[in-house]
Amino acid sequence: MNNQFDELAKGLAQSVTRREMVRKLGGAMVGTFAACLGLGKVSAASGQKRRGVCTTTWGFPGVPPTYTGICIDPTTCTSGFSHDCPSGHRPEQGQILNACGAPPVGNKTCYF
C-alpha cells in the first residue's frame, strides 16, 4: 500500500513544462465542453436513434389529450424531443398509462 502511495507521490512531484500543462488543461477543457454539448452521445446522423412512444397530456372531460412533443422509451424510461410527436396535435388512437410514470402515452411510435 505504501509503495503505491510512494509511486503516486513521485509521479505528482515530477516537473512539467508549461507547454505540456497548457496542452493537458486545454484537452480537459475541450473534453468538458464536448461532454456538455452531448457530443459523446449517439448522433442522429449516424442513423442510430432510440425508439419509443409519444407522450400525451392527460386529457380531461371536454379537453382531449394532445401530444407533448416528447418521445419516451418504455423499456429504459429515457426520453427526448421528437418531431414524430408534434406538440399540440391529437393522437389518432387512445392513450395508455405510462410504465415509467406520468404522463400517459399514445400508441404512436416515435424516434429520438
PDB file of N, CA and C in Angstrom:
ATOM      1  N   MET A   1       0.827  -1.195   0.000  1.00  0.00           N
ATOM      2  CA  MET A   1       0.000   0.000   0.000  1.00  0.00           C
ATOM      3  C   MET A   1       0.869   1.256   0.000  1.00  0.00           C
ATOM      4  N   ASN A   2       1.900   1.266   0.866  1.00  0.00           N
ATOM      5  CA  ASN A   2       2.788   2.427   0.920  1.00  0.00           C
ATOM      6  C   ASN A   2       3.536   2.603  -0.388  1.00  0.00           C
ATOM      7  N   ASN A   3       3.859   1.479  -1.043  1.00  0.00           N
ATOM      8  CA  ASN A   3       4.581   1.535  -2.300  1.00  0.00           C
ATOM      9  C   ASN A   3       3.746   2.242  -3.366  1.00  0.00           C
ATOM     10  N   GLN A   4       2.434   1.966  -3.421  1.00  0.00           N
ATOM     11  CA  GLN A   4       1.556   2.630  -4.391  1.00  0.00           C
ATOM     12  C   GLN A   4       1.478   4.132  -4.108  1.00  0.00           C
ATOM     13  N   PHE A   5       1.402   4.481  -2.831  1.00  0.00           N
ATOM     14  CA  PHE A   5       1.351   5.889  -2.463  1.00  0.00           C
ATOM     15  C   PHE A   5       2.645   6.594  -2.850  1.00  0.00           C
ATOM     16  N   ASP A   6       3.782   5.916  -2.612  1.00  0.00           N
ATOM     17  CA  ASP A   6       5.080   6.498  -2.981  1.00  0.00           C
ATOM     18  C   ASP A   6       5.176   6.722  -4.483  1.00  0.00           C
ATOM     19  N   GLU A   7       4.692   5.771  -5.259  1.00  0.00           N
ATOM     20  CA  GLU A   7       4.715   5.915  -6.715  1.00  0.00           C
ATOM     21  C   GLU A   7       3.850   7.086  -7.169  1.00  0.00           C
ATOM     22  N   LEU A   8       2.671   7.235  -6.543  1.00  0.00           N
ATOM     23  CA  LEU A   8       1.797   8.356  -6.872  1.00  0.00           C
ATOM     24  C   LEU A   8       2.471   9.683  -6.521  1.00  0.00           C
ATOM     25  N   ALA A   9       3.097   9.746  -5.362  1.00  0.00           N
ATOM     26  CA  ALA A   9       3.767  10.975  -4.927  1.00  0.00           C
ATOM     27  C   ALA A   9       4.914  11.328  -5.875  1.00  0.00           C
ATOM     28  N   LYS A  10       5.664  10.317  -6.319  1.00  0.00           N
ATOM     29  CA  LYS A  10       6.758  10.566  -7.257  1.00  0.00           C
ATOM     30  C   LYS A  10       6.227  11.089  -8.588  1.00  0.00           C
ATOM     31  N   GLY A  11       5.117  10.497  -9.032  1.00  0.00           N
ATOM     32  CA  GLY A  11       4.519  10.939 -10.298  1.00  0.00           C
ATOM     33  C   GLY A  11       4.030  12.375 -10.237  1.00  0.00           C
ATOM     34  N   LEU A  12       3.462  12.768  -9.106  1.00  0.00           N
ATOM     35  CA  LEU A  12       2.973  14.137  -8.953  1.00  0.00           C
ATOM     36  C   LEU A  12       4.110  15.135  -8.756  1.00  0.00           C
ATOM     37  N   ALA A  13       5.236  14.666  -8.218  1.00  0.00           N
ATOM     38  CA  ALA A  13       6.353  15.560  -7.940  1.00  0.00           C
ATOM     39  C   ALA A  13       7.200  15.853  -9.172  1.00  0.00           C
ATOM     40  N   GLN A  14       7.016  15.118 -10.252  1.00  0.00           N
ATOM     41  CA  GLN A  14       7.820  15.349 -11.451  1.00  0.00           C
ATOM     42  C   GLN A  14       7.515  16.719 -12.029  1.00  0.00           C
ATOM     43  N   SER A  15       8.559  17.332 -12.559  1.00  0.00           N
ATOM     44  CA  SER A  15       8.369  18.658 -13.154  1.00  0.00           C
ATOM     45  C   SER A  15       7.659  18.514 -14.498  1.00  0.00           C
ATOM     46  N   VAL A  16       6.803  19.502 -14.800  1.00  0.00           N
ATOM     47  CA  VAL A  16       6.037  19.516 -16.037  1.00  0.00           C
ATOM     48  C   VAL A  16       6.279  20.870 -16.703  1.00  0.00           C
ATOM     49  N   THR A  17       6.530  20.837 -17.987  1.00  0.00           N
ATOM     50  CA  THR A  17       6.749  22.096 -18.700  1.00  0.00           C
ATOM     51  C   THR A  17       5.434  22.856 -18.848  1.00  0.00           C
ATOM     52  N   ARG A  18       5.542  24.150 -19.063  1.00  0.00           N
ATOM     53  CA  ARG A  18       4.344  24.965 -19.272  1.00  0.00           C
ATOM     54  C   ARG A  18       3.557  24.488 -20.480  1.00  0.00           C
ATOM     55  N   ARG A  19       4.255  24.194 -21.536  1.00  0.00           N
ATOM     56  CA  ARG A  19       3.598  23.751 -22.770  1.00  0.00           C
ATOM     57  C   ARG A  19       2.798  22.470 -22.536  1.00  0.00           C
ATOM     58  N   GLU A  20       3.379  21.525 -21.798  1.00  0.00           N
ATOM     59  CA  GLU A  20       2.680  20.268 -21.510  1.00  0.00           C
ATOM     60  C   GLU A  20       1.458  20.515 -20.620  1.00  0.00           C
ATOM     61  N   MET A  21       1.598  21.406 -19.646  1.00  0.00           N
ATOM     62  CA  MET A  21       0.475  21.713 -18.750  1.00  0.00           C
ATOM     63  C   MET A  21      -0.662  22.388 -19.514  1.00  0.00           C
ATOM     64  N   VAL A  22      -0.327  23.336 -20.400  1.00  0.00           N
ATOM     65  CA  VAL A  22      -1.351  24.013 -21.193  1.00  0.00           C
ATOM     66  C   VAL A  22      -2.063  23.009 -22.099  1.00  0.00           C
ATOM     67  N   ARG A  23      -1.299  22.090 -22.679  1.00  0.00           N
ATOM     68  CA  ARG A  23      -1.890  21.079 -23.551  1.00  0.00           C
ATOM     69  C   ARG A  23      -2.857  20.182 -22.763  1.00  0.00           C
ATOM     70  N   LYS A  24      -2.456  19.765 -21.557  1.00  0.00           N
ATOM     71  CA  LYS A  24      -3.323  18.911 -20.744  1.00  0.00           C
ATOM     72  C   LYS A  24      -4.584  19.661 -20.298  1.00  0.00           C
ATOM     73  N   LEU A  25      -4.421  20.898 -19.854  1.00  0.00           N
ATOM     74  CA  LEU A  25      -5.586  21.685 -19.435  1.00  0.00           C
ATOM     75  C   LEU A  25      -6.504  21.973 -20.621  1.00  0.00           C
ATOM     76  N   GLY A  26      -5.913  22.276 -21.787  1.00  0.00           N
ATOM     77  CA  GLY A  26      -6.711  22.516 -22.983  1.00  0.00           C
ATOM     78  C   GLY A  26      -7.507  21.275 -23.373  1.00  0.00           C
ATOM     79  N   GLY A  27      -6.880  20.109 -23.295  1.00  0.00           N
ATOM     80  CA  GLY A  27      -7.581  18.862 -23.601  1.00  0.00           C
ATOM     81  C   GLY A  27      -8.721  18.606 -22.629  1.00  0.00           C
ATOM     82  N   ALA A  28      -8.481  18.902 -21.354  1.00  0.00           N
ATOM     83  CA  ALA A  28      -9.539  18.719 -20.356  1.00  0.00           C
ATOM     84  C   ALA A  28     -10.701  19.673 -20.617  1.00  0.00           C
ATOM     85  N   MET A  29     -10.380  20.917 -21.000  1.00  0.00           N
ATOM     86  CA  MET A  29     -11.445  21.894 -21.271  1.00  0.00           C
ATOM     87  C   MET A  29     -12.248  21.506 -22.511  1.00  0.00           C
ATOM     88  N   VAL A  30     -11.569  21.042 -23.546  1.00  0.00           N
ATOM     89  CA  VAL A  30     -12.267  20.621 -24.761  1.00  0.00           C
ATOM     90  C   VAL A  30     -13.148  19.411 -24.462  1.00  0.00           C
ATOM     91  N   GLY A  31     -12.636  18.463 -23.685  1.00  0.00           N
ATOM     92  CA  GLY A  31     -13.424  17.289 -23.317  1.00  0.00           C
ATOM     93  C   GLY A  31     -14.648  17.657 -22.493  1.00  0.00           C
ATOM     94  N   THR A  32     -14.496  18.588 -21.576  1.00  0.00           N
ATOM     95  CA  THR A  32     -15.627  19.041 -20.762  1.00  0.00           C
ATOM     96  C   THR A  32     -16.658  19.741 -21.630  1.00  0.00           C
ATOM     97  N   PHE A  33     -16.207  20.583 -22.538  1.00  0.00           N
ATOM     98  CA  PHE A  33     -17.119  21.293 -23.429  1.00  0.00           C
ATOM     99  C   PHE A  33     -17.880  20.315 -24.329  1.00  0.00           C
ATOM    100  N   ALA A  34     -17.181  19.308 -24.852  1.00  0.00           N
ATOM    101  CA  ALA A  34     -17.829  18.306 -25.704  1.00  0.00           C
ATOM    102  C   ALA A  34     -18.862  17.510 -24.917  1.00  0.00           C
ATOM    103  N   ALA A  35     -18.547  17.194 -23.662  1.00  0.00           N
ATOM    104  CA  ALA A  35     -19.500  16.460 -22.837  1.00  0.00           C
ATOM    105  C   ALA A  35     -20.738  17.300 -22.551  1.00  0.00           C
ATOM    106  N   CYS A  36     -20.555  18.607 -22.343  1.00  0.00           N
ATOM    107  CA  CYS A  36     -21.699  19.488 -22.108  1.00  0.00           C
ATOM    108  C   CYS A  36     -22.606  19.569 -23.326  1.00  0.00           C
ATOM    109  N   LEU A  37     -22.026  19.526 -24.507  1.00  0.00           N
ATOM    110  CA  LEU A  37     -22.820  19.582 -25.735  1.00  0.00           C
ATOM    111  C   LEU A  37     -23.423  18.237 -26.101  1.00  0.00           C
ATOM    112  N   GLY A  38     -23.017  17.184 -25.419  1.00  0.00           N
ATOM    113  CA  GLY A  38     -23.552  15.865 -25.716  1.00  0.00           C
ATOM    114  C   GLY A  38     -22.931  15.234 -26.945  1.00  0.00           C
ATOM    115  N   LEU A  39     -21.714  15.630 -27.291  1.00  0.00           N
ATOM    116  CA  LEU A  39     -21.069  15.084 -28.480  1.00  0.00           C
ATOM    117  C   LEU A  39     -20.666  13.631 -28.300  1.00  0.00           C
ATOM    118  N   GLY A  40     -20.639  13.150 -27.076  1.00  0.00           N
ATOM    119  CA  GLY A  40     -20.292  11.748 -26.849  1.00  0.00           C
ATOM    120  C   GLY A  40     -21.468  10.811 -27.025  1.00  0.00           C
ATOM    121  N   LYS A  41     -22.661  11.347 -27.169  1.00  0.00           N
ATOM    122  CA  LYS A  41     -23.851  10.525 -27.321  1.00  0.00           C
ATOM    123  C   LYS A  41     -24.007  10.081 -28.763  1.00  0.00           C
ATOM    124  N   VAL A  42     -24.892   9.140 -28.969  1.00  0.00           N
ATOM    125  CA  VAL A  42     -25.178   8.680 -30.328  1.00  0.00           C
ATOM    126  C   VAL A  42     -25.860   9.806 -31.077  1.00  0.00           C
ATOM    127  N   SER A  43     -25.370  10.115 -32.251  1.00  0.00           N
ATOM    128  CA  SER A  43     -25.948  11.215 -33.006  1.00  0.00           C
ATOM    129  C   SER A  43     -27.012  10.723 -33.964  1.00  0.00           C
ATOM    130  N   ALA A  44     -27.928  11.608 -34.310  1.00  0.00           N
ATOM    131  CA  ALA A  44     -28.982  11.271 -35.255  1.00  0.00           C
ATOM    132  C   ALA A  44     -28.404  11.030 -36.641  1.00  0.00           C
ATOM    133  N   ALA A  45     -27.266  11.646 -36.940  1.00  0.00           N
ATOM    134  CA  ALA A  45     -26.658  11.486 -38.252  1.00  0.00           C
ATOM    135  C   ALA A  45     -26.156  10.068 -38.472  1.00  0.00           C
ATOM    136  N   SER A  46     -25.844   9.361 -37.389  1.00  0.00           N
ATOM    137  CA  SER A  46     -25.348   8.004 -37.534  1.00  0.00           C
ATOM    138  C   SER A  46     -26.474   7.019 -37.816  1.00  0.00           C
ATOM    139  N   GLY A  47     -27.711   7.479 -37.726  1.00  0.00           N
ATOM    140  CA  GLY A  47     -28.851   6.623 -38.016  1.00  0.00           C
ATOM    141  C   GLY A  47     -29.277   5.757 -36.840  1.00  0.00           C
ATOM    142  N   GLN A  48     -28.605   5.879 -35.714  1.00  0.00           N
ATOM    143  CA  GLN A  48     -28.950   5.082 -34.550  1.00  0.00           C
ATOM    144  C   GLN A  48     -29.761   5.942 -33.595  1.00  0.00           C
ATOM    145  N   LYS A  49     -31.068   5.793 -33.667  1.00  0.00           N
ATOM    146  CA  LYS A  49     -31.947   6.557 -32.793  1.00  0.00           C
ATOM    147  C   LYS A  49     -32.639   5.609 -31.834  1.00  0.00           C
ATOM    148  N   ARG A  50     -33.138   6.186 -30.751  1.00  0.00           N
ATOM    149  CA  ARG A  50     -33.916   5.399 -29.800  1.00  0.00           C
ATOM    150  C   ARG A  50     -35.359   5.356 -30.257  1.00  0.00           C
ATOM    151  N   ARG A  51     -36.009   4.236 -30.047  1.00  0.00           N
ATOM    152  CA  ARG A  51     -37.408   4.053 -30.422  1.00  0.00           C
ATOM    153  C   ARG A  51     -38.261   4.121 -29.168  1.00  0.00           C
ATOM    154  N   GLY A  52     -39.420   4.742 -29.284  1.00  0.00           N
ATOM    155  CA  GLY A  52     -40.310   4.843 -28.149  1.00  0.00           C
ATOM    156  C   GLY A  52     -41.730   5.140 -28.588  1.00  0.00           C
ATOM    157  N   VAL A  53     -42.498   5.703 -27.677  1.00  0.00           N
ATOM    158  CA  VAL A  53     -43.876   6.100 -27.954  1.00  0.00           C
ATOM    159  C   VAL A  53     -44.060   7.552 -27.532  1.00  0.00           C
ATOM    160  N   CYS A  54     -44.988   8.232 -28.200  1.00  0.00           N
ATOM    161  CA  CYS A  54     -45.241   9.644 -27.922  1.00  0.00           C
ATOM    162  C   CYS A  54     -45.988   9.815 -26.610  1.00  0.00           C
ATOM    163  N   THR A  55     -45.551  10.772 -25.795  1.00  0.00           N
ATOM    164  CA  THR A  55     -46.284  11.076 -24.568  1.00  0.00           C
ATOM    165  C   THR A  55     -47.400  12.062 -24.888  1.00  0.00           C
ATOM    166  N   THR A  56     -48.447  12.017 -24.085  1.00  0.00           N
ATOM    167  CA  THR A  56     -49.606  12.886 -24.280  1.00  0.00           C
ATOM    168  C   THR A  56     -49.948  13.599 -22.982  1.00  0.00           C
ATOM    169  N   THR A  57     -50.762  14.637 -23.103  1.00  0.00           N
ATOM    170  CA  THR A  57     -51.316  15.280 -21.909  1.00  0.00           C
ATOM    171  C   THR A  57     -52.399  14.359 -21.357  1.00  0.00           C
ATOM    172  N   TRP A  58     -52.860  14.615 -20.181  1.00  0.00           N
ATOM    173  CA  TRP A  58     -53.835  13.731 -19.544  1.00  0.00           C
ATOM    174  C   TRP A  58     -55.170  13.712 -20.274  1.00  0.00           C
ATOM    175  N   GLY A  59     -55.666  14.835 -20.699  1.00  0.00           N
ATOM    176  CA  GLY A  59     -56.982  14.886 -21.345  1.00  0.00           C
ATOM    177  C   GLY A  59     -58.088  14.798 -20.302  1.00  0.00           C
ATOM    178  N   PHE A  60     -58.732  15.899 -20.031  1.00  0.00           N
ATOM    179  CA  PHE A  60     -59.804  15.961 -19.048  1.00  0.00           C
ATOM    180  C   PHE A  60     -61.143  16.000 -19.769  1.00  0.00           C
ATOM    181  N   PRO A  61     -62.253  15.815 -19.063  1.00  0.00           N
ATOM    182  CA  PRO A  61     -63.567  15.866 -19.715  1.00  0.00           C
ATOM    183  C   PRO A  61     -63.731  17.172 -20.495  1.00  0.00           C
ATOM    184  N   GLY A  62     -64.010  17.049 -21.778  1.00  0.00           N
ATOM    185  CA  GLY A  62     -64.177  18.201 -22.642  1.00  0.00           C
ATOM    186  C   GLY A  62     -62.867  18.722 -23.221  1.00  0.00           C
ATOM    187  N   VAL A  63     -61.735  18.231 -22.722  1.00  0.00           N
ATOM    188  CA  VAL A  63     -60.423  18.644 -23.228  1.00  0.00           C
ATOM    189  C   VAL A  63     -59.690  17.380 -23.699  1.00  0.00           C
ATOM    190  N   PRO A  64     -59.572  17.184 -25.007  1.00  0.00           N
ATOM    191  CA  PRO A  64     -58.936  15.960 -25.491  1.00  0.00           C
ATOM    192  C   PRO A  64     -57.424  15.960 -25.233  1.00  0.00           C
ATOM    193  N   PRO A  65     -56.820  14.767 -25.108  1.00  0.00           N
ATOM    194  CA  PRO A  65     -55.369  14.696 -24.929  1.00  0.00           C
ATOM    195  C   PRO A  65     -54.648  15.145 -26.198  1.00  0.00           C
ATOM    196  N   THR A  66     -53.468  15.697 -26.027  1.00  0.00           N
ATOM    197  CA  THR A  66     -52.626  16.109 -27.163  1.00  0.00           C
ATOM    198  C   THR A  66     -51.196  15.636 -26.914  1.00  0.00           C
ATOM    199  N   TYR A  67     -50.434  15.519 -27.996  1.00  0.00           N
ATOM    200  CA  TYR A  67     -49.024  15.142 -27.859  1.00  0.00           C
ATOM    201  C   TYR A  67     -48.245  16.261 -27.182  1.00  0.00           C
ATOM    202  N   THR A  68     -47.225  15.873 -26.427  1.00  0.00           N
ATOM    203  CA  THR A  68     -46.379  16.842 -25.729  1.00  0.00           C
ATOM    204  C   THR A  68     -45.107  17.176 -26.496  1.00  0.00           C
ATOM    205  N   GLY A  69     -44.811  16.409 -27.561  1.00  0.00           N
ATOM    206  CA  GLY A  69     -43.570  16.620 -28.306  1.00  0.00           C
ATOM    207  C   GLY A  69     -42.425  15.778 -27.777  1.00  0.00           C
ATOM    208  N   ILE A  70     -42.700  14.952 -26.776  1.00  0.00           N
ATOM    209  CA  ILE A  70     -41.663  14.128 -26.155  1.00  0.00           C
ATOM    210  C   ILE A  70     -41.920  12.659 -26.464  1.00  0.00           C
ATOM    211  N   CYS A  71     -40.857  11.952 -26.794  1.00  0.00           N
ATOM    212  CA  CYS A  71     -40.895  10.526 -27.070  1.00  0.00           C
ATOM    213  C   CYS A  71     -40.203   9.818 -25.901  1.00  0.00           C
ATOM    214  N   ILE A  72     -40.791   8.726 -25.403  1.00  0.00           N
ATOM    215  CA  ILE A  72     -40.211   8.005 -24.268  1.00  0.00           C
ATOM    216  C   ILE A  72     -40.022   6.537 -24.629  1.00  0.00           C
ATOM    217  N   ASP A  73     -38.885   5.992 -24.241  1.00  0.00           N
ATOM    218  CA  ASP A  73     -38.600   4.567 -24.419  1.00  0.00           C
ATOM    219  C   ASP A  73     -39.085   3.858 -23.155  1.00  0.00           C
ATOM    220  N   PRO A  74     -40.161   3.075 -23.238  1.00  0.00           N
ATOM    221  CA  PRO A  74     -40.727   2.475 -22.027  1.00  0.00           C
ATOM    222  C   PRO A  74     -39.846   1.404 -21.389  1.00  0.00           C
ATOM    223  N   THR A  75     -38.871   0.869 -22.108  1.00  0.00           N
ATOM    224  CA  THR A  75     -38.013  -0.159 -21.514  1.00  0.00           C
ATOM    225  C   THR A  75     -36.909   0.442 -20.650  1.00  0.00           C
ATOM    226  N   THR A  76     -36.416   1.629 -21.026  1.00  0.00           N
ATOM    227  CA  THR A  76     -35.346   2.268 -20.257  1.00  0.00           C
ATOM    228  C   THR A  76     -35.804   3.544 -19.550  1.00  0.00           C
ATOM    229  N   CYS A  77     -37.011   3.996 -19.840  1.00  0.00           N
ATOM    230  CA  CYS A  77     -37.573   5.226 -19.266  1.00  0.00           C
ATOM    231  C   CYS A  77     -36.738   6.454 -19.615  1.00  0.00           C
ATOM    232  N   THR A  78     -36.018   6.415 -20.743  1.00  0.00           N
ATOM    233  CA  THR A  78     -35.326   7.599 -21.226  1.00  0.00           C
ATOM    234  C   THR A  78     -36.219   8.293 -22.238  1.00  0.00           C
ATOM    235  N   SER A  79     -36.069   9.595 -22.350  1.00  0.00           N
ATOM    236  CA  SER A  79     -36.945  10.333 -23.254  1.00  0.00           C
ATOM    237  C   SER A  79     -36.175  11.444 -23.940  1.00  0.00           C
ATOM    238  N   GLY A  80     -36.795  11.988 -24.977  1.00  0.00           N
ATOM    239  CA  GLY A  80     -36.206  13.092 -25.705  1.00  0.00           C
ATOM    240  C   GLY A  80     -37.238  13.704 -26.630  1.00  0.00           C
ATOM    241  N   PHE A  81     -36.929  14.867 -27.162  1.00  0.00           N
ATOM    242  CA  PHE A  81     -37.843  15.527 -28.086  1.00  0.00           C
ATOM    243  C   PHE A  81     -37.860  14.788 -29.415  1.00  0.00           C
ATOM    244  N   SER A  82     -39.026  14.743 -30.028  1.00  0.00           N
ATOM    245  CA  SER A  82     -39.165  14.045 -31.296  1.00  0.00           C
ATOM    246  C   SER A  82     -40.109  14.806 -32.209  1.00  0.00           C
ATOM    247  N   HIS A  83     -39.725  14.892 -33.489  1.00  0.00           N
ATOM    248  CA  HIS A  83     -40.599  15.515 -34.484  1.00  0.00           C
ATOM    249  C   HIS A  83     -41.755  14.589 -34.850  1.00  0.00           C
ATOM    250  N   ASP A  84     -41.668  13.325 -34.437  1.00  0.00           N
ATOM    251  CA  ASP A  84     -42.746  12.375 -34.714  1.00  0.00           C
ATOM    252  C   ASP A  84     -43.965  12.626 -33.830  1.00  0.00           C
ATOM    253  N   CYS A  85     -43.793  13.391 -32.765  1.00  0.00           N
ATOM    254  CA  CYS A  85     -44.869  13.675 -31.817  1.00  0.00           C
ATOM    255  C   CYS A  85     -45.135  15.178 -31.806  1.00  0.00           C
ATOM    256  N   PRO A  86     -45.765  15.720 -32.822  1.00  0.00           N
ATOM    257  CA  PRO A  86     -45.938  17.172 -32.888  1.00  0.00           C
ATOM    258  C   PRO A  86     -46.755  17.698 -31.712  1.00  0.00           C
ATOM    259  N   SER A  87     -46.168  18.600 -30.972  1.00  0.00           N
ATOM    260  CA  SER A  87     -46.810  19.150 -29.785  1.00  0.00           C
ATOM    261  C   SER A  87     -48.136  19.816 -30.141  1.00  0.00           C
ATOM    262  N   GLY A  88     -49.164  19.508 -29.369  1.00  0.00           N
ATOM    263  CA  GLY A  88     -50.479  20.103 -29.571  1.00  0.00           C
ATOM    264  C   GLY A  88     -51.392  19.307 -30.486  1.00  0.00           C
ATOM    265  N   HIS A  89     -50.874  18.331 -31.236  1.00  0.00           N
ATOM    266  CA  HIS A  89     -51.719  17.513 -32.112  1.00  0.00           C
ATOM    267  C   HIS A  89     -52.385  16.400 -31.311  1.00  0.00           C
ATOM    268  N   ARG A  90     -53.578  16.049 -31.725  1.00  0.00           N
ATOM    269  CA  ARG A  90     -54.320  14.995 -31.037  1.00  0.00           C
ATOM    270  C   ARG A  90     -53.880  13.624 -31.525  1.00  0.00           C
ATOM    271  N   PRO A  91     -53.764  12.662 -30.614  1.00  0.00           N
ATOM    272  CA  PRO A  91     -53.424  11.302 -31.030  1.00  0.00           C
ATOM    273  C   PRO A  91     -54.551  10.681 -31.852  1.00  0.00           C
ATOM    274  N   GLU A  92     -54.168   9.878 -32.839  1.00  0.00           N
ATOM    275  CA  GLU A  92     -55.155   9.222 -33.692  1.00  0.00           C
ATOM    276  C   GLU A  92     -55.906   8.142 -32.917  1.00  0.00           C
ATOM    277  N   GLN A  93     -55.216   7.519 -31.973  1.00  0.00           N
ATOM    278  CA  GLN A  93     -55.812   6.450 -31.181  1.00  0.00           C
ATOM    279  C   GLN A  93     -55.822   6.863 -29.723  1.00  0.00           C
ATOM    280  N   GLY A  94     -56.310   5.984 -28.871  1.00  0.00           N
ATOM    281  CA  GLY A  94     -56.394   6.291 -27.445  1.00  0.00           C
ATOM    282  C   GLY A  94     -55.037   6.378 -26.784  1.00  0.00           C
ATOM    283  N   GLN A  95     -55.052   6.610 -25.507  1.00  0.00           N
ATOM    284  CA  GLN A  95     -53.818   6.702 -24.743  1.00  0.00           C
ATOM    285  C   GLN A  95     -53.819   5.634 -23.657  1.00  0.00           C
ATOM    286  N   ILE A  96     -52.634   5.262 -23.207  1.00  0.00           N
ATOM    287  CA  ILE A  96     -52.489   4.268 -22.153  1.00  0.00           C
ATOM    288  C   ILE A  96     -51.591   4.841 -21.071  1.00  0.00           C
ATOM    289  N   LEU A  97     -51.652   4.243 -19.891  1.00  0.00           N
ATOM    290  CA  LEU A  97     -50.797   4.714 -18.807  1.00  0.00           C
ATOM    291  C   LEU A  97     -49.355   4.367 -19.113  1.00  0.00           C
ATOM    292  N   ASN A  98     -48.477   5.228 -18.712  1.00  0.00           N
ATOM    293  CA  ASN A  98     -47.053   5.090 -18.969  1.00  0.00           C
ATOM    294  C   ASN A  98     -46.421   4.225 -17.886  1.00  0.00           C
ATOM    295  N   ALA A  99     -45.655   3.200 -18.267  1.00  0.00           N
ATOM    296  CA  ALA A  99     -44.994   2.329 -17.298  1.00  0.00           C
ATOM    297  C   ALA A  99     -43.932   3.074 -16.495  1.00  0.00           C
ATOM    298  N   CYS A 100     -43.448   4.191 -17.016  1.00  0.00           N
ATOM    299  CA  CYS A 100     -42.419   4.986 -16.334  1.00  0.00           C
ATOM    300  C   CYS A 100     -43.025   6.062 -15.446  1.00  0.00           C
ATOM    301  N   GLY A 101     -44.326   6.131 -15.350  1.00  0.00           N
ATOM    302  CA  GLY A 101     -44.989   7.172 -14.575  1.00  0.00           C
ATOM    303  C   GLY A 101     -45.689   8.134 -15.509  1.00  0.00           C
ATOM    304  N   ALA A 102     -46.142   9.273 -14.958  1.00  0.00           N
ATOM    305  CA  ALA A 102     -46.851  10.272 -15.763  1.00  0.00           C
ATOM    306  C   ALA A 102     -45.898  10.880 -16.767  1.00  0.00           C
ATOM    307  N   PRO A 103     -46.345  11.409 -17.858  1.00  0.00           N
ATOM    308  CA  PRO A 103     -47.703  11.452 -18.394  1.00  0.00           C
ATOM    309  C   PRO A 103     -48.026  10.182 -19.183  1.00  0.00           C
ATOM    310  N   PRO A 104     -49.312  10.001 -19.540  1.00  0.00           N
ATOM    311  CA  PRO A 104     -49.686   8.835 -20.336  1.00  0.00           C
ATOM    312  C   PRO A 104     -49.072   8.915 -21.737  1.00  0.00           C
ATOM    313  N   VAL A 105     -49.086   7.805 -22.428  1.00  0.00           N
ATOM    314  CA  VAL A 105     -48.501   7.755 -23.772  1.00  0.00           C
ATOM    315  C   VAL A 105     -49.566   7.360 -24.778  1.00  0.00           C
ATOM    316  N   GLY A 106     -49.341   7.747 -26.031  1.00  0.00           N
ATOM    317  CA  GLY A 106     -50.202   7.331 -27.122  1.00  0.00           C
ATOM    318  C   GLY A 106     -49.675   6.043 -27.729  1.00  0.00           C
ATOM    319  N   ASN A 107     -50.318   5.579 -28.760  1.00  0.00           N
ATOM    320  CA  ASN A 107     -49.894   4.348 -29.417  1.00  0.00           C
ATOM    321  C   ASN A 107     -48.970   4.612 -30.596  1.00  0.00           C
ATOM    322  N   LYS A 108     -48.560   5.840 -30.794  1.00  0.00           N
ATOM    323  CA  LYS A 108     -47.747   6.202 -31.950  1.00  0.00           C
ATOM    324  C   LYS A 108     -46.271   5.964 -31.660  1.00  0.00           C
ATOM    325  N   THR A 109     -45.595   5.251 -32.561  1.00  0.00           N
ATOM    326  CA  THR A 109     -44.161   5.004 -32.439  1.00  0.00           C
ATOM    327  C   THR A 109     -43.399   6.250 -32.851  1.00  0.00           C
ATOM    328  N   CYS A 110     -42.327   6.552 -32.127  1.00  0.00           N
ATOM    329  CA  CYS A 110     -41.515   7.725 -32.428  1.00  0.00           C
ATOM    330  C   CYS A 110     -40.051   7.395 -32.207  1.00  0.00           C
ATOM    331  N   TYR A 111     -39.179   8.283 -32.675  1.00  0.00           N
ATOM    332  CA  TYR A 111     -37.730   8.112 -32.533  1.00  0.00           C
ATOM    333  C   TYR A 111     -37.127   9.409 -32.020  1.00  0.00           C
ATOM    334  N   PHE A 112     -36.132   9.269 -31.130  1.00  0.00           N
ATOM    335  CA  PHE A 112     -35.432  10.448 -30.588  1.00  0.00           C
ATOM    336  C   PHE A 112     -33.955  10.160 -30.456  1.00  0.00           C
TER     337      PHE A 112
END
